[in-house]
Amino acid sequence: MDEALAHYLKTRRTIPASQLGEPAPGSATLREMLTIAARVPDHGKLAPWRFILFDKGARKKAVAGLTTIAAKHPDEKERAIRDAKAKGFLDAPLVVAVVSAPIADHPKIPLWEQQLSSACVALNLVHAANAYGFAANWLTGWYAYDEEAKAWLGLKPGEKIAGFIHIGTAMVPSVERDRPDVEALTGAWAA
């Protein structure tokens, strides 16, 4: 067993996006991280996912549009919540959208398997960020589900956000949280 890898997997924690600062990975490191992220189970070699990169300038423009979309919500309280969450898109120095882009009606590979592959990409990107000394936070937010917001962010019909991976340098130490009781969640099949 690789003790260093096992230790990392046992102790990896998420740092809130609001606690991620500069620096973000440079372009060469990011390219390597995305290459690692793409090494996932992918039945049929479909690559049913893609990446959208949001650097500082892109995030400012994205938030401007999301704020406009949020303002259209008829409920004032919900509108304020959406507006605040949209501004959270500015927290980390880099955001990578992992987009589930399934091949519709594939004759052999079910949609669910393609969507799971995109989730694996998102988790691998979190692991790659940590491996390169950065911290990452996998988030969604209302704009991952709002059709107008998804279109504004560059999604095509039939695509979904698997996650927005916020990447930067941790400005605070990570804090442990309660973890699931694996014993309580595990059972043996019996006929």
Protein backbone atom coordinates (compact mmCIF):
# COMPACT_ATOMS: atom_id res chain seq x y z
CA MET A 1 0.00 0.00 0.00
CA ASP A 2 1.19 3.50 -0.79
CA GLU A 3 1.02 5.07 2.68
CA ALA A 4 1.20 8.67 1.43
CA LEU A 5 -1.71 8.13 -0.95
CA ALA A 6 -3.74 6.30 1.68
CA HIS A 7 -3.08 9.10 4.18
CA TYR A 8 -4.20 11.72 1.65
CA LEU A 9 -7.41 9.83 0.85
CA LYS A 10 -8.16 9.34 4.57
CA THR A 11 -7.56 12.98 5.46
CA ARG A 12 -8.59 15.04 2.40
CA ARG A 13 -10.92 17.86 3.38
CA THR A 14 -12.72 20.63 1.57
CA ILE A 15 -11.85 24.26 2.15
CA PRO A 16 -14.80 26.64 1.60
CA ALA A 17 -14.56 28.55 -1.68
CA SER A 18 -14.62 31.81 0.27
CA GLN A 19 -11.38 30.70 1.93
CA LEU A 20 -9.50 30.04 -1.31
CA GLY A 21 -7.07 32.73 -2.42
CA GLU A 22 -4.30 33.29 -4.91
CA PRO A 23 -2.41 31.76 -6.43
CA ALA A 24 -4.47 29.56 -8.69
CA PRO A 25 -2.76 26.98 -10.88
CA GLY A 26 -0.96 28.32 -13.94
CA SER A 27 -2.04 27.22 -17.40
CA ALA A 28 0.44 24.30 -17.68
CA THR A 29 -0.48 22.95 -14.24
CA LEU A 30 -4.18 23.39 -14.96
CA ARG A 31 -3.79 21.47 -18.22
CA GLU A 32 -2.17 18.61 -16.28
CA MET A 33 -4.94 18.73 -13.68
CA LEU A 34 -7.59 18.52 -16.39
CA THR A 35 -5.74 15.58 -17.97
CA ILE A 36 -5.80 13.80 -14.61
CA ALA A 37 -9.49 14.69 -14.18
CA ALA A 38 -10.29 13.03 -17.50
CA ARG A 39 -8.85 9.66 -16.41
CA VAL A 40 -12.17 8.19 -15.29
CA PRO A 41 -14.40 5.22 -16.05
CA ASP A 42 -15.89 6.05 -19.43
CA HIS A 43 -17.69 3.12 -20.99
CA GLY A 44 -17.53 3.35 -24.75
CA LYS A 45 -14.83 6.05 -24.62
CA LEU A 46 -17.48 8.70 -25.16
CA ALA A 47 -15.99 11.49 -23.01
CA PRO A 48 -19.55 12.58 -22.12
CA TRP A 49 -18.36 15.71 -20.34
CA ARG A 50 -16.40 18.86 -20.97
CA PHE A 51 -14.79 21.74 -19.07
CA ILE A 52 -15.54 25.47 -19.01
CA LEU A 53 -12.82 27.61 -17.40
CA PHE A 54 -13.75 30.78 -15.53
CA ASP A 55 -10.76 32.97 -14.70
CA LYS A 56 -11.14 36.26 -12.81
CA GLY A 57 -12.38 38.30 -15.76
CA ALA A 58 -14.75 35.62 -16.96
CA ARG A 59 -16.18 35.16 -13.46
CA LYS A 60 -16.95 38.89 -13.17
CA LYS A 61 -18.88 38.79 -16.45
CA ALA A 62 -20.59 35.54 -15.47
CA VAL A 63 -21.71 37.01 -12.14
CA ALA A 64 -23.04 40.14 -13.84
CA GLY A 65 -25.31 37.96 -15.97
CA LEU A 66 -26.26 35.69 -13.09
CA THR A 67 -27.18 38.71 -10.97
CA THR A 68 -29.48 39.93 -13.75
CA ILE A 69 -31.09 36.48 -13.97
CA ALA A 70 -31.45 36.31 -10.17
CA ALA A 71 -33.20 39.70 -10.16
CA LYS A 72 -36.01 38.23 -12.29
CA HIS A 73 -37.12 35.91 -9.48
CA PRO A 74 -40.54 37.04 -8.20
CA ASP A 75 -39.86 36.19 -4.54
CA GLU A 76 -37.76 38.95 -2.93
CA LYS A 77 -36.15 36.69 -0.35
CA GLU A 78 -35.25 34.05 -2.96
CA ARG A 79 -33.98 36.79 -5.28
CA ALA A 80 -31.62 38.03 -2.53
CA ILE A 81 -30.41 34.49 -1.83
CA ARG A 82 -29.75 33.87 -5.51
CA ASP A 83 -27.95 37.18 -5.85
CA ALA A 84 -25.66 36.40 -2.89
CA LYS A 85 -24.93 32.90 -4.18
CA ALA A 86 -24.13 34.28 -7.63
CA LYS A 87 -21.57 36.62 -6.06
CA GLY A 88 -20.00 33.55 -4.36
CA PHE A 89 -18.85 32.59 -7.84
CA LEU A 90 -16.15 35.26 -7.34
CA ASP A 91 -14.65 33.73 -4.19
CA ALA A 92 -11.92 31.42 -5.52
CA PRO A 93 -9.34 32.57 -8.07
CA LEU A 94 -10.39 29.89 -10.58
CA VAL A 95 -13.63 28.05 -11.24
CA VAL A 96 -13.86 25.07 -13.58
CA ALA A 97 -17.31 23.94 -14.62
CA VAL A 98 -17.49 20.20 -15.22
CA VAL A 99 -20.32 19.81 -17.70
CA SER A 100 -22.16 16.55 -18.16
CA ALA A 101 -22.51 16.36 -21.96
CA PRO A 102 -24.02 12.93 -22.59
CA ILE A 103 -24.45 11.32 -25.96
CA ALA A 104 -28.24 11.17 -26.16
CA ASP A 105 -29.89 7.85 -26.91
CA HIS A 106 -26.60 5.96 -27.13
CA PRO A 107 -27.42 2.36 -28.14
CA LYS A 108 -25.07 0.78 -25.56
CA ILE A 109 -24.14 3.28 -22.84
CA PRO A 110 -27.03 4.39 -20.61
CA LEU A 111 -27.43 8.06 -19.81
CA TRP A 112 -26.91 7.37 -16.09
CA GLU A 113 -23.48 5.83 -16.70
CA GLN A 114 -22.47 8.85 -18.76
CA GLN A 115 -23.62 11.20 -15.99
CA LEU A 116 -21.71 9.18 -13.38
CA SER A 117 -18.59 9.53 -15.53
CA SER A 118 -18.89 13.32 -15.36
CA ALA A 119 -19.18 13.13 -11.57
CA CYS A 120 -15.98 11.06 -11.51
CA VAL A 121 -14.30 13.82 -13.56
CA ALA A 122 -15.32 16.41 -10.97
CA LEU A 123 -13.94 14.33 -8.09
CA ASN A 124 -10.72 13.61 -9.98
CA LEU A 125 -10.29 17.34 -10.55
CA VAL A 126 -10.61 17.93 -6.79
CA HIS A 127 -7.98 15.24 -6.18
CA ALA A 128 -5.70 16.67 -8.90
CA ALA A 129 -5.92 20.16 -7.38
CA ASN A 130 -4.90 18.76 -4.00
CA ALA A 131 -2.09 16.71 -5.55
CA TYR A 132 -0.63 19.91 -7.03
CA GLY A 133 -0.79 21.69 -3.67
CA PHE A 134 -4.00 23.63 -4.21
CA ALA A 135 -7.35 23.32 -2.49
CA ALA A 136 -10.66 22.77 -4.24
CA ASN A 137 -14.33 22.92 -3.42
CA TRP A 138 -17.00 21.17 -5.51
CA LEU A 139 -20.19 23.27 -5.58
CA THR A 140 -23.31 23.67 -7.66
CA GLY A 141 -25.71 26.49 -6.71
CA TRP A 142 -29.01 27.58 -8.18
CA TYR A 143 -27.34 28.52 -11.46
CA ALA A 144 -26.42 24.87 -12.04
CA TYR A 145 -30.15 24.11 -12.39
CA ASP A 146 -31.69 27.28 -13.80
CA GLU A 147 -32.16 26.93 -17.58
CA GLU A 148 -31.50 30.60 -18.36
CA ALA A 149 -28.39 30.62 -16.14
CA LYS A 150 -27.07 27.42 -17.71
CA ALA A 151 -27.45 28.92 -21.18
CA TRP A 152 -25.70 32.13 -19.99
CA LEU A 153 -22.82 30.03 -18.67
CA GLY A 154 -22.38 28.26 -22.01
CA LEU A 155 -24.28 25.00 -21.63
CA LYS A 156 -25.97 23.46 -24.64
CA PRO A 157 -29.42 21.83 -24.60
CA GLY A 158 -29.27 18.47 -22.82
CA GLU A 159 -26.16 19.38 -20.82
CA LYS A 160 -26.03 19.69 -17.04
CA ILE A 161 -23.55 20.99 -14.51
CA ALA A 162 -21.86 18.11 -12.69
CA GLY A 163 -20.14 20.71 -10.54
CA PHE A 164 -18.30 23.97 -10.34
CA ILE A 165 -14.85 23.20 -8.98
CA HIS A 166 -13.49 26.26 -7.16
CA ILE A 167 -9.68 26.09 -7.05
CA GLY A 168 -7.12 28.19 -5.23
CA THR A 169 -4.74 28.23 -2.29
CA ALA A 170 -6.16 27.54 1.16
CA MET A 171 -6.10 30.65 3.33
CA VAL A 172 -7.17 28.72 6.46
CA PRO A 173 -6.34 25.27 7.79
CA SER A 174 -8.83 22.54 6.98
CA VAL A 175 -11.20 21.42 9.73
CA GLU A 176 -12.35 17.85 10.22
CA ARG A 177 -16.07 17.16 10.16
CA ASP A 178 -18.22 14.21 11.14
CA ARG A 179 -17.95 11.35 8.65
CA PRO A 180 -20.49 8.66 7.79
CA ASP A 181 -20.56 5.45 9.81
CA VAL A 182 -19.40 3.02 7.13
CA GLU A 183 -20.45 0.01 9.21
CA ALA A 184 -24.03 1.31 9.39
CA LEU A 185 -24.05 1.83 5.62
CA THR A 186 -22.64 -1.57 4.69
CA GLY A 187 -24.48 -4.84 4.36
CA ALA A 188 -23.86 -8.21 2.75
CA TRP A 189 -26.16 -9.50 0.04
CA ALA A 190 -27.98 -12.70 0.82
CA ALA A 191 -30.34 -14.72 -1.35
